[in-house]
């Protein structure tokens, strides 16, 4: 049963329960998550946190890396500038957008920059979609997923700059830190030296690490990757038909490379294991992270995403005449006689009309609401293979400050956990000098999504006992749980299994005036926050390019968008 706060999904009409369940969470490496919360809280602690205590920050964040001169950053900046410099439309289009995740927010932002009037409708009472977060009765935040902002996210980095909020990213040292299952409580690091350019800094980091792979294994690993280095993007795209495991066998790579490296990467990128994940996903990530000097450098947002990232986008949209409405759930896409969109019918009975329509909610919700006349159109039919992957996000507040952790993202390398972080260290808003709050991605989650929260916490504690052998015991005889939140997402980002790439749709649909945005749509950053933002820019670009066609169609006035009961 899905529970959020005191409202159980069982009390909602069936159709709404299905929509509510199709939400997502997780961690965003390349893996981006889309989710709606299904959280149930367990608490021992009573009373509110002392609100009189000022925010304290003891962690030392690394200065923002120099990203502005990279090719990808400049390309992203050029695309952003094209909206601001576009000729002002004689009559702005009113574009109705369903879904206020990063894809919908991005679409609305860049349409507003181009002089149009977006109306953004969000089904829930919180912004962010896959990056949504909620405040509990103690004033503590819990999130849809554990989200990391990389240097290799040029459109996201541009967006922060355009909004004037670059200082809200807390950059960490250029390292990747892995737990060592064979040595409980110990970690292995890949440290990228600043003095070397890419990809030499990444090669150096790999060669210097002798704990996870032996020299013979490193050499075989490098030889196996040679085709990708020589073949470039064409080779990468051709690997979509192979799983990571199949590709490894084809390249005669040592099994330990999968065990030591690719299992952790697969779970972090798409919340599944190497025997399911398309190898294209791994190669795209390696290409993004290794070809730019600061590509794999990580940053945490300095607070909760709805307020610290989403609200500045909303304020920007509103400042240019756009609108954002919460609690506006789409019940049906109603059609004209010619098969084009007539309006969006909301669950409250009202209808919303515009000059163009964008569906920026997760692909599973789109498939649920797809009008019958569209279902056999190849563009929509191919969506059948795109299915969201289950993800569980776990937050645990402990009664003490854990010592065996870092001010950084950590790869747990456990059977049940993907990545985690002590958010009381990594995030300024969540800082606590006396207690730790671990946020963990529980993956793969398919076999656990229907299990009780207490079962999930018990399993998590058994894994944490291996990571913190001196501080955490599964029976809580050491560090004790003050409270926890478990957020289940039955359908998160699309599952990047082999042969999915041909099924990803372009943002412009074959239905005149109807467009898609979302990380599952066609763009080179797969299921990630970067992919969601870029999809929104591509969607906006398509609408701007179609202005004359959209302006000439339909009897309604372009200067009006109607919301009628």
Protein backbone atom coordinates (compact mmCIF):
# COMPACT_ATOMS: atom_id res chain seq x y z
CA UNK A 1 0.00 0.00 0.00
CA UNK A 2 1.26 3.45 -0.88
CA UNK A 3 1.18 5.85 2.01
CA UNK A 4 2.27 9.48 2.14
CA UNK A 5 1.74 11.42 5.31
CA UNK A 6 -1.67 10.45 6.64
CA UNK A 7 -3.25 9.94 3.21
CA UNK A 8 -3.27 6.39 1.95
CA UNK A 9 -3.49 5.68 -1.75
CA UNK A 10 -6.17 3.16 -0.91
CA UNK A 11 -8.52 6.07 -0.21
CA UNK A 12 -8.16 7.51 -3.71
CA UNK A 13 -10.27 6.52 -6.73
CA UNK A 14 -8.69 3.62 -8.62
CA UNK A 15 -7.57 5.73 -11.60
CA UNK A 16 -5.90 8.24 -9.32
CA UNK A 17 -4.23 5.45 -7.33
CA UNK A 18 -2.66 4.09 -10.49
CA UNK A 19 -1.40 7.54 -11.45
CA UNK A 20 -0.14 8.16 -7.93
CA UNK A 21 1.74 4.86 -7.96
CA UNK A 22 3.49 5.62 -11.24
CA UNK A 23 6.00 7.89 -9.65
CA UNK A 24 9.67 7.69 -9.18
CA UNK A 25 12.73 8.10 -7.04
CA UNK A 26 16.28 6.95 -6.73
CA UNK A 27 19.71 8.37 -7.36
CA UNK A 28 20.81 10.48 -10.25
CA UNK A 29 24.22 9.60 -11.56
CA UNK A 30 23.49 9.29 -15.19
CA UNK A 31 20.51 7.68 -13.55
CA UNK A 32 17.86 10.20 -13.16
CA UNK A 33 14.76 9.44 -11.25
CA UNK A 34 11.17 10.48 -11.68
CA UNK A 35 8.98 9.80 -8.74
CA UNK A 36 5.99 10.55 -6.60
CA UNK A 37 6.38 9.77 -2.92
CA UNK A 38 4.97 6.71 -1.29
CA UNK A 39 6.53 7.32 2.07
CA UNK A 40 5.71 5.98 5.47
CA UNK A 41 7.56 7.34 8.46
CA UNK A 42 8.61 5.52 11.58
CA UNK A 43 9.74 7.63 14.50
CA UNK A 44 11.06 7.13 18.00
CA UNK A 45 12.22 10.68 18.57
CA UNK A 46 9.59 13.09 19.86
CA UNK A 47 9.38 16.84 19.62
CA UNK A 48 10.65 19.23 16.99
CA UNK A 49 14.25 19.98 16.17
CA UNK A 50 15.35 23.18 17.88
CA UNK A 51 14.49 25.81 15.26
CA UNK A 52 16.47 28.46 17.13
CA UNK A 53 19.76 26.80 16.27
CA UNK A 54 21.26 28.62 13.25
CA UNK A 55 22.37 26.72 10.19
CA UNK A 56 25.95 25.57 10.70
CA UNK A 57 28.32 24.41 8.01
CA UNK A 58 31.57 22.68 8.90
CA UNK A 59 32.24 20.84 5.65
CA UNK A 60 34.74 22.43 3.31
CA UNK A 61 33.34 22.48 -0.21
CA UNK A 62 35.58 22.55 -3.24
CA UNK A 63 35.45 25.70 -5.41
CA UNK A 64 33.22 25.49 -8.46
CA UNK A 65 35.18 23.91 -11.34
CA UNK A 66 35.85 25.83 -14.55
CA UNK A 67 33.15 24.46 -16.82
CA UNK A 68 32.38 27.44 -19.03
CA UNK A 69 34.98 26.73 -21.72
CA UNK A 70 34.08 23.10 -22.42
CA UNK A 71 32.52 22.31 -25.79
CA UNK A 72 29.41 20.78 -24.26
CA UNK A 73 28.86 23.74 -21.93
CA UNK A 74 29.19 26.20 -24.83
CA UNK A 75 26.76 24.17 -26.94
CA UNK A 76 24.25 24.17 -24.09
CA UNK A 77 24.73 27.91 -23.57
CA UNK A 78 24.17 28.54 -27.27
CA UNK A 79 20.90 26.61 -27.22
CA UNK A 80 19.74 28.57 -24.14
CA UNK A 81 20.64 31.86 -25.83
CA UNK A 82 18.65 30.95 -28.94
CA UNK A 83 15.41 31.22 -26.97
CA UNK A 84 16.24 34.61 -25.51
CA UNK A 85 17.32 35.98 -28.90
CA UNK A 86 14.44 34.50 -30.90
CA UNK A 87 12.14 37.06 -32.61
CA UNK A 88 9.29 38.00 -30.29
CA UNK A 89 6.08 36.32 -31.45
CA UNK A 90 3.33 38.66 -32.63
CA UNK A 91 0.87 36.64 -30.56
CA UNK A 92 2.47 34.41 -27.93
CA UNK A 93 1.43 30.79 -27.92
CA UNK A 94 -0.32 29.49 -24.85
CA UNK A 95 1.31 26.12 -24.22
CA UNK A 96 -0.26 23.75 -21.69
CA UNK A 97 2.37 21.51 -20.05
CA UNK A 98 1.51 18.50 -17.88
CA UNK A 99 4.11 17.72 -15.23
CA UNK A 100 6.33 20.03 -13.15
CA UNK A 101 9.39 17.82 -12.95
CA UNK A 102 12.64 19.07 -14.44
CA UNK A 103 11.46 18.28 -17.98
CA UNK A 104 8.24 20.27 -17.62
CA UNK A 105 9.93 23.11 -15.74
CA UNK A 106 12.65 23.29 -18.39
CA UNK A 107 10.10 23.33 -21.20
CA UNK A 108 8.13 26.13 -19.55
CA UNK A 109 11.27 28.11 -18.73
CA UNK A 110 12.64 28.16 -22.27
CA UNK A 111 9.25 28.77 -23.87
CA UNK A 112 8.87 31.79 -21.59
CA UNK A 113 12.36 32.93 -22.60
CA UNK A 114 11.21 32.75 -26.24
CA UNK A 115 8.25 35.03 -25.53
CA UNK A 116 5.47 32.46 -25.17
CA UNK A 117 3.06 31.89 -22.26
CA UNK A 118 3.35 28.42 -20.72
CA UNK A 119 0.74 27.07 -18.33
CA UNK A 120 2.40 24.35 -16.26
CA UNK A 121 0.10 21.87 -14.52
CA UNK A 122 1.40 19.65 -11.72
CA UNK A 123 -0.76 16.79 -10.40
CA UNK A 124 0.55 16.97 -6.85
CA UNK A 125 1.04 19.75 -4.32
CA UNK A 126 4.83 19.70 -4.66
CA UNK A 127 7.22 20.69 -7.44
CA UNK A 128 10.00 18.56 -8.85
CA UNK A 129 8.58 15.22 -10.03
CA UNK A 130 11.60 12.95 -9.73
CA UNK A 131 13.40 15.44 -7.48
CA UNK A 132 10.45 16.20 -5.20
CA UNK A 133 10.93 16.36 -1.42
CA UNK A 134 8.73 16.73 1.64
CA UNK A 135 9.10 18.11 5.15
CA UNK A 136 8.01 15.91 8.05
CA UNK A 137 6.49 17.05 11.33
CA UNK A 138 9.94 17.56 12.86
CA UNK A 139 10.97 19.94 10.09
CA UNK A 140 13.28 17.37 8.48
CA UNK A 141 13.26 16.88 4.71
CA UNK A 142 13.08 13.56 2.91
CA UNK A 143 13.53 13.29 -0.82
CA UNK A 144 12.41 11.39 -3.85
CA UNK A 145 15.97 10.30 -4.51
CA UNK A 146 19.63 10.94 -3.88
CA UNK A 147 20.55 13.37 -6.67
CA UNK A 148 24.05 14.28 -7.77
CA UNK A 149 24.94 17.18 -10.07
CA UNK A 150 27.92 16.40 -12.30
CA UNK A 151 30.33 18.62 -14.14
CA UNK A 152 29.30 16.64 -17.24
CA UNK A 153 25.77 18.05 -17.02
CA UNK A 154 26.18 21.13 -19.27
CA UNK A 155 22.50 22.01 -19.61
CA UNK A 156 21.89 21.68 -15.87
CA UNK A 157 24.98 23.78 -15.15
CA UNK A 158 23.81 26.43 -17.61
CA UNK A 159 20.39 26.43 -15.99
CA UNK A 160 21.89 27.14 -12.55
CA UNK A 161 23.88 30.02 -14.08
CA UNK A 162 20.88 31.44 -15.93
CA UNK A 163 18.91 31.48 -12.66
CA UNK A 164 21.82 33.01 -10.72
CA UNK A 165 22.00 30.11 -8.24
CA UNK A 166 25.42 28.59 -8.96
CA UNK A 167 26.27 29.06 -5.28
CA UNK A 168 23.63 26.51 -4.34
CA UNK A 169 25.76 23.64 -5.59
CA UNK A 170 28.17 22.21 -3.01
CA UNK A 171 31.08 20.76 -5.00
CA UNK A 172 33.04 17.88 -3.50
CA UNK A 173 36.60 16.70 -4.06
CA UNK A 174 37.19 14.99 -7.41
CA UNK A 175 36.99 11.40 -6.25
CA UNK A 176 34.87 8.29 -6.50
CA UNK A 177 34.72 6.27 -3.29
CA UNK A 178 33.75 2.59 -3.14
CA UNK A 179 33.12 0.40 -0.12
CA UNK A 180 35.20 -2.78 0.09
CA UNK A 181 32.92 -5.78 0.78
CA UNK A 182 35.93 -7.99 1.49
CA UNK A 183 37.17 -5.47 4.07
CA UNK A 184 34.15 -4.32 6.10
CA UNK A 185 34.36 -0.69 7.07
CA UNK A 186 37.07 0.15 4.52
CA UNK A 187 36.87 2.13 1.29
CA UNK A 188 38.76 2.31 -1.99
CA UNK A 189 39.21 5.63 -3.76
CA UNK A 190 39.67 6.83 -7.32
CA UNK A 191 41.25 10.29 -7.01
CA UNK A 192 41.36 12.46 -10.15
CA UNK A 193 44.37 14.83 -10.11
CA UNK A 194 43.59 18.42 -11.06
CA UNK A 195 46.93 18.89 -12.78
CA UNK A 196 46.11 16.46 -15.58
CA UNK A 197 43.66 17.02 -18.46
CA UNK A 198 40.97 14.52 -19.46
CA UNK A 199 41.12 11.62 -20.05
CA UNK A 200 44.57 11.38 -18.43
CA UNK A 201 43.19 12.35 -15.02
CA UNK A 202 40.70 9.47 -15.21
CA UNK A 203 43.32 7.02 -16.45
CA UNK A 204 45.63 8.08 -13.63
CA UNK A 205 42.83 7.60 -11.07
CA UNK A 206 42.21 4.06 -12.35
CA UNK A 207 45.88 3.11 -12.55
CA UNK A 208 46.62 4.40 -9.07
CA UNK A 209 43.89 2.24 -7.53
CA UNK A 210 45.31 -1.22 -6.87
CA UNK A 211 42.67 -2.42 -4.41
CA UNK A 212 39.81 -3.22 -6.77
CA UNK A 213 41.60 -4.54 -9.87
CA UNK A 214 44.99 -6.15 -10.38
CA UNK A 215 47.34 -4.88 -13.09
CA UNK A 216 46.54 -7.80 -15.44
CA UNK A 217 42.83 -7.06 -14.99
CA UNK A 218 43.38 -3.35 -15.67
CA UNK A 219 45.24 -4.16 -18.87
CA UNK A 220 42.49 -6.50 -20.10
CA UNK A 221 39.92 -3.89 -19.12
CA UNK A 222 41.74 -1.24 -21.16
CA UNK A 223 42.09 -3.54 -24.18
CA UNK A 224 38.38 -4.35 -23.99
CA UNK A 225 37.53 -0.64 -24.04
CA UNK A 226 39.72 0.10 -27.07
CA UNK A 227 36.92 -0.43 -29.63
CA UNK A 228 34.83 2.20 -27.84
CA UNK A 229 37.74 4.64 -27.82
CA UNK A 230 38.49 4.10 -31.51
CA UNK A 231 34.91 3.72 -32.74
CA UNK A 232 33.53 6.73 -30.90
CA UNK A 233 29.82 7.51 -30.79
CA UNK A 234 28.94 5.13 -33.62
CA UNK A 235 30.41 2.22 -31.68
CA UNK A 236 28.68 3.31 -28.48
CA UNK A 237 25.27 3.43 -30.16
CA UNK A 238 25.82 0.01 -31.73
CA UNK A 239 26.15 -1.58 -28.27
CA UNK A 240 22.53 -0.88 -27.35
CA UNK A 241 21.63 -4.46 -28.31
CA UNK A 242 23.95 -5.99 -25.72
CA UNK A 243 23.64 -6.13 -21.97
CA UNK A 244 26.69 -5.19 -19.91
CA UNK A 245 27.23 -8.86 -19.09
CA UNK A 246 26.99 -9.91 -22.76
CA UNK A 247 29.37 -7.15 -23.84
CA UNK A 248 31.87 -8.16 -21.17
CA UNK A 249 31.82 -11.75 -22.39
CA UNK A 250 32.20 -10.63 -26.01
CA UNK A 251 35.25 -8.55 -25.09
CA UNK A 252 36.73 -11.39 -23.01
CA UNK A 253 36.99 -9.18 -19.97
CA UNK A 254 37.70 -10.65 -16.54
CA UNK A 255 34.61 -11.40 -14.48
CA UNK A 256 36.08 -9.37 -11.65
CA UNK A 257 35.74 -6.18 -13.70
CA UNK A 258 31.99 -6.68 -13.55
CA UNK A 259 32.06 -7.62 -9.88
CA UNK A 260 34.35 -4.80 -8.82
CA UNK A 261 33.21 -1.97 -11.13
CA UNK A 262 30.20 -2.57 -13.37
CA UNK A 263 27.74 -3.87 -10.78
CA UNK A 264 28.12 -0.64 -8.82
CA UNK A 265 27.93 1.48 -11.99
CA UNK A 266 24.86 -0.35 -13.30
CA UNK A 267 22.94 0.08 -10.06
CA UNK A 268 23.91 3.74 -9.83
CA UNK A 269 23.03 4.50 -13.45
CA UNK A 270 19.72 2.67 -13.81
CA UNK A 271 19.04 0.80 -10.55
CA UNK A 272 19.46 -2.64 -12.18
CA UNK A 273 22.24 -5.23 -12.47
CA UNK A 274 24.66 -5.73 -15.42
CA UNK A 275 22.77 -8.73 -16.79
CA UNK A 276 19.85 -6.39 -17.60
CA UNK A 277 21.42 -3.01 -18.36
CA UNK A 278 22.25 -2.01 -21.94
CA UNK A 279 26.00 -1.56 -22.42
CA UNK A 280 25.29 1.64 -24.30
CA UNK A 281 24.33 3.22 -20.97
CA UNK A 282 27.71 2.38 -19.39
CA UNK A 283 29.67 3.59 -22.43
CA UNK A 284 27.76 6.88 -22.62
CA UNK A 285 28.48 7.50 -18.94
CA UNK A 286 32.17 6.69 -19.33
CA UNK A 287 32.35 8.95 -22.36
CA UNK A 288 30.70 11.85 -20.54
CA UNK A 289 32.74 11.42 -17.36
CA UNK A 290 36.15 10.71 -18.87
CA UNK A 291 36.24 13.07 -21.85
CA UNK A 292 35.87 16.22 -19.73
CA UNK A 293 38.35 17.15 -17.05
CA UNK A 294 35.63 17.94 -14.53
CA UNK A 295 33.02 15.59 -16.00
CA UNK A 296 32.90 13.20 -13.05
CA UNK A 297 33.22 15.89 -10.39
CA UNK A 298 30.14 15.83 -8.16
CA UNK A 299 28.07 18.43 -6.37
CA UNK A 300 25.18 18.21 -3.92
CA UNK A 301 22.39 20.76 -3.84
CA UNK A 302 22.63 22.81 -0.65
CA UNK A 303 19.07 22.05 0.41
CA UNK A 304 15.76 20.56 -0.60
CA UNK A 305 15.21 20.55 -4.40
CA UNK A 306 11.67 22.02 -4.55
CA UNK A 307 12.72 25.23 -2.80
CA UNK A 308 16.37 25.48 -3.81
CA UNK A 309 16.05 24.56 -7.51
CA UNK A 310 12.43 24.30 -8.65
CA UNK A 311 11.11 27.53 -7.11
CA UNK A 312 13.70 29.74 -8.86
CA UNK A 313 12.56 28.22 -12.17
CA UNK A 314 8.91 28.87 -11.28
CA UNK A 315 9.70 32.46 -10.28
CA UNK A 316 11.48 32.97 -13.60
CA UNK A 317 8.51 31.53 -15.54
CA UNK A 318 6.04 33.74 -13.69
CA UNK A 319 8.19 36.83 -14.15
CA UNK A 320 7.79 36.39 -17.91
CA UNK A 321 4.03 35.91 -17.80
CA UNK A 322 3.78 32.13 -17.50
CA UNK A 323 1.70 30.23 -14.94
CA UNK A 324 2.33 27.25 -12.68
CA UNK A 325 -0.57 25.43 -11.01
CA UNK A 326 -0.30 22.65 -8.44
CA UNK A 327 -3.00 20.07 -7.63
CA UNK A 328 -3.97 19.92 -11.31
CA UNK A 329 -4.01 16.26 -12.29
CA UNK A 330 -4.77 15.22 -15.88
CA UNK A 331 -7.68 12.75 -16.10
CA UNK A 332 -8.02 12.54 -19.88
CA UNK A 333 -6.58 13.90 -23.11
CA UNK A 334 -9.70 14.84 -25.08
CA UNK A 335 -9.49 14.96 -28.87
CA UNK A 336 -11.02 16.90 -31.74
CA UNK A 337 -12.64 15.04 -34.64
CA UNK A 338 -9.37 15.20 -36.58
CA UNK A 339 -7.45 13.45 -33.79
CA UNK A 340 -5.67 16.54 -32.47
CA UNK A 341 -5.89 17.60 -28.83
CA UNK A 342 -9.05 19.46 -27.86
CA UNK A 343 -8.15 19.95 -24.21
CA UNK A 344 -6.78 18.38 -21.06
CA UNK A 345 -9.60 17.24 -18.76
CA UNK A 346 -8.58 17.50 -15.11
CA UNK A 347 -9.74 15.26 -12.27
CA UNK A 348 -11.57 18.22 -10.70
CA UNK A 349 -13.82 18.37 -13.76
CA UNK A 350 -12.31 21.46 -15.36
CA UNK A 351 -10.83 21.55 -18.86
CA UNK A 352 -7.69 23.32 -19.98
CA UNK A 353 -7.18 24.49 -23.57
CA UNK A 354 -4.15 25.94 -25.27
CA UNK A 355 -2.50 26.44 -28.63
CA UNK A 356 -0.12 23.55 -28.03
CA UNK A 357 0.17 20.75 -25.49
CA UNK A 358 3.19 19.12 -23.84
CA UNK A 359 3.10 15.90 -21.82
CA UNK A 360 6.09 16.03 -19.47
CA UNK A 361 5.01 13.37 -16.97
CA UNK A 362 6.67 9.91 -16.80
CA UNK A 363 6.22 7.57 -19.76
CA UNK A 364 4.13 5.10 -17.71
CA UNK A 365 1.55 7.81 -17.00
CA UNK A 366 1.51 8.84 -20.66
CA UNK A 367 0.77 5.26 -21.70
CA UNK A 368 -2.06 5.10 -19.18
CA UNK A 369 -3.67 8.29 -20.53
CA UNK A 370 -2.96 7.75 -24.21
CA UNK A 371 -6.17 8.26 -26.25
CA UNK A 372 -7.39 5.09 -27.99
CA UNK A 373 -7.10 6.56 -31.52
CA UNK A 374 -3.38 7.15 -30.96
CA UNK A 375 -2.42 3.75 -29.56
CA UNK A 376 -1.65 2.05 -32.88
CA UNK A 377 0.39 4.95 -34.27
CA UNK A 378 4.01 3.63 -34.47
CA UNK A 379 5.37 6.69 -32.64
CA UNK A 380 3.26 5.81 -29.57
CA UNK A 381 3.23 2.04 -30.08
CA UNK A 382 7.00 1.90 -29.57
CA UNK A 383 6.54 3.30 -26.07
CA UNK A 384 5.31 -0.13 -24.95
CA UNK A 385 8.92 -1.23 -24.39
CA UNK A 386 9.74 1.77 -22.17
CA UNK A 387 8.81 0.74 -18.64
CA UNK A 388 9.77 2.47 -15.42
CA UNK A 389 12.09 0.64 -13.04
CA UNK A 390 11.13 0.25 -9.34
CA UNK A 391 13.26 2.25 -6.90
CA UNK A 392 13.24 2.65 -3.14
CA UNK A 393 14.85 5.58 -1.34
CA UNK A 394 15.62 5.18 2.37
CA UNK A 395 16.36 7.89 4.96
CA UNK A 396 17.55 6.90 8.43
CA UNK A 397 18.24 9.34 11.28
CA UNK A 398 20.64 7.94 13.91
CA UNK A 399 21.17 8.97 17.52
CA UNK A 400 24.83 9.78 16.95
CA UNK A 401 27.33 11.12 14.44
CA UNK A 402 28.74 8.25 12.40
CA UNK A 403 32.49 8.40 11.89
CA UNK A 404 33.03 5.91 9.06
CA UNK A 405 31.69 8.18 6.34
CA UNK A 406 32.74 11.06 4.10
CA UNK A 407 31.50 14.41 2.88
CA UNK A 408 30.82 12.77 -0.46
CA UNK A 409 28.73 10.24 -2.38
CA UNK A 410 29.64 6.65 -1.51
CA UNK A 411 29.18 3.49 -3.59
CA UNK A 412 28.05 0.84 -1.12
CA UNK A 413 28.74 -2.18 -3.39
CA UNK A 414 26.26 -4.25 -1.39
CA UNK A 415 23.69 -6.64 -2.82
CA UNK A 416 20.79 -4.43 -1.83
CA UNK A 417 22.15 -0.88 -1.76
CA UNK A 418 23.43 1.23 -4.62
CA UNK A 419 24.82 4.53 -3.32
CA UNK A 420 24.40 6.53 -0.15
CA UNK A 421 25.51 9.70 1.59
CA UNK A 422 25.52 11.12 5.09
CA UNK A 423 23.34 14.12 4.28
CA UNK A 424 24.12 15.68 7.66
CA UNK A 425 27.60 16.27 6.20
CA UNK A 426 27.07 16.77 2.47
CA UNK A 427 24.13 19.23 2.51
CA UNK A 428 24.13 22.59 4.27
CA UNK A 429 20.39 22.66 5.00
CA UNK A 430 20.49 19.15 6.46
CA UNK A 431 23.66 19.73 8.50
CA UNK A 432 23.62 18.33 12.03
CA UNK A 433 26.74 18.34 14.23
CA UNK A 434 25.45 15.62 16.55
CA UNK A 435 23.54 13.09 14.45
CA UNK A 436 23.87 11.46 11.06
CA UNK A 437 21.13 11.05 8.47
CA UNK A 438 21.95 8.46 5.85
CA UNK A 439 20.10 8.66 2.56
CA UNK A 440 20.39 5.40 0.66
CA UNK A 441 19.21 4.06 -2.70
CA UNK A 442 17.83 0.54 -2.30
CA UNK A 443 18.38 -1.22 -5.65
CA UNK A 444 17.53 -3.38 -7.44
CA UNK A 445 14.13 -2.95 -5.79
CA UNK A 446 11.78 -5.07 -7.89
CA UNK A 447 11.57 -7.86 -5.33
CA UNK A 448 11.23 -5.40 -2.45
CA UNK A 449 8.78 -2.79 -3.71
CA UNK A 450 5.80 -4.63 -2.18
CA UNK A 451 7.56 -5.47 1.08
CA UNK A 452 6.82 -3.58 4.28
CA UNK A 453 8.87 -0.57 5.33
CA UNK A 454 10.06 -2.44 8.42
CA UNK A 455 11.34 -5.31 6.25
CA UNK A 456 13.24 -2.84 4.09
CA UNK A 457 14.75 -1.09 7.10
CA UNK A 458 15.78 -4.42 8.63
CA UNK A 459 17.51 -5.42 5.39
CA UNK A 460 19.16 -2.00 5.12
CA UNK A 461 20.50 -2.23 8.66
CA UNK A 462 22.06 -5.61 7.92
CA UNK A 463 23.90 -4.04 4.99
CA UNK A 464 24.91 -1.01 7.05
CA UNK A 465 26.38 -3.33 9.67
CA UNK A 466 28.97 -4.33 7.05
CA UNK A 467 29.71 -0.71 6.11
CA UNK A 468 29.91 0.51 9.73
CA UNK A 469 31.02 -2.60 11.69
CA UNK A 470 32.18 -0.58 14.66
CA UNK A 471 29.20 1.74 14.80
CA UNK A 472 26.08 0.01 13.50
CA UNK A 473 24.59 -3.36 14.44
CA UNK A 474 21.51 -4.81 12.81
CA UNK A 475 19.88 -5.22 16.24
CA UNK A 476 20.55 -1.53 17.05
CA UNK A 477 22.76 -2.46 19.99
CA UNK A 478 25.11 0.27 18.75
CA UNK A 479 23.75 3.27 16.83
CA UNK A 480 20.00 3.51 17.31
CA UNK A 481 17.43 4.63 14.77
CA UNK A 482 15.59 7.79 15.77
CA UNK A 483 13.25 7.65 12.79
CA UNK A 484 13.15 6.74 9.14
CA UNK A 485 11.32 7.44 5.90
CA UNK A 486 10.96 4.86 3.14
CA UNK A 487 9.94 6.27 -0.25
CA UNK A 488 8.81 3.65 -2.75
CA UNK A 489 8.62 4.40 -6.46
CA UNK A 490 6.98 1.55 -8.36
CA UNK A 491 7.83 3.17 -11.71
CA UNK A 492 10.87 5.44 -11.83
CA UNK A 493 13.10 6.18 -14.84
CA UNK A 494 12.68 3.93 -17.85
CA UNK A 495 14.53 0.64 -17.60
CA UNK A 496 17.50 0.91 -19.99
CA UNK A 497 17.54 -2.65 -21.22
CA UNK A 498 18.98 -3.66 -24.61
CA UNK A 499 17.21 -2.41 -27.75
CA UNK A 500 15.36 0.42 -25.96
CA UNK A 501 17.06 3.21 -27.88
CA UNK A 502 14.93 2.87 -31.07
CA UNK A 503 11.80 3.16 -28.91
CA UNK A 504 12.65 6.56 -27.44
CA UNK A 505 10.45 9.20 -29.12
CA UNK A 506 11.42 12.58 -30.52
CA UNK A 507 9.89 15.52 -28.67
CA UNK A 508 7.70 16.49 -31.65
CA UNK A 509 4.93 13.91 -32.03
CA UNK A 510 3.05 13.13 -35.28
CA UNK A 511 -0.03 14.77 -33.73
CA UNK A 512 -0.05 18.45 -34.67
CA UNK A 513 0.33 20.60 -31.57
CA UNK A 514 1.22 17.71 -29.22
CA UNK A 515 4.76 17.32 -27.85
CA UNK A 516 6.62 15.20 -25.31
CA UNK A 517 9.31 16.07 -22.77
CA UNK A 518 11.03 13.76 -20.34
CA UNK A 519 14.34 11.96 -19.93
CA UNK A 520 12.90 8.97 -21.80
CA UNK A 521 12.54 11.07 -24.96
CA UNK A 522 15.36 11.26 -27.49
CA UNK A 523 18.48 13.04 -26.21
CA UNK A 524 22.02 11.88 -25.54
CA UNK A 525 22.03 11.92 -21.73
CA UNK A 526 19.64 9.00 -21.18
CA UNK A 527 17.68 8.85 -17.90
CA UNK A 528 19.18 11.69 -15.91
CA UNK A 529 18.48 15.20 -14.66
CA UNK A 530 20.60 16.44 -17.53
CA UNK A 531 18.50 14.40 -19.94
CA UNK A 532 15.28 15.84 -18.51
CA UNK A 533 16.47 19.45 -18.84
CA UNK A 534 17.79 18.86 -22.36
CA UNK A 535 14.54 17.19 -23.40
CA UNK A 536 12.68 20.29 -22.24
CA UNK A 537 14.94 22.51 -24.33
CA UNK A 538 14.45 20.28 -27.39
CA UNK A 539 10.68 20.33 -26.83
CA UNK A 540 10.68 24.12 -26.56
CA UNK A 541 12.82 24.37 -29.67
CA UNK A 542 10.32 22.25 -31.63
CA UNK A 543 7.41 24.44 -30.53
CA UNK A 544 9.28 27.65 -31.42
CA UNK A 545 10.11 26.18 -34.82
CA UNK A 546 6.44 25.24 -35.32
CA UNK A 547 5.13 28.67 -34.35
CA UNK A 548 3.70 29.60 -37.75
CA UNK A 549 1.91 26.26 -38.06
CA UNK A 550 0.51 26.46 -34.53
CA UNK A 551 -0.45 30.12 -34.89
CA UNK A 552 -2.41 29.40 -38.07
CA UNK A 553 -4.40 26.46 -36.70
CA UNK A 554 -7.63 26.38 -34.76
CA UNK A 555 -10.36 28.93 -34.20
CA UNK A 556 -9.30 29.98 -30.72
CA UNK A 557 -7.44 33.16 -30.04
CA UNK A 558 -3.73 32.84 -29.51
CA UNK A 559 -3.80 35.46 -26.79
CA UNK A 560 -5.93 33.30 -24.53
CA UNK A 561 -5.69 30.03 -22.68
CA UNK A 562 -8.92 28.87 -21.15
CA UNK A 563 -9.54 27.01 -17.95
CA UNK A 564 -13.25 26.29 -17.71
CA UNK A 565 -15.43 24.20 -15.45
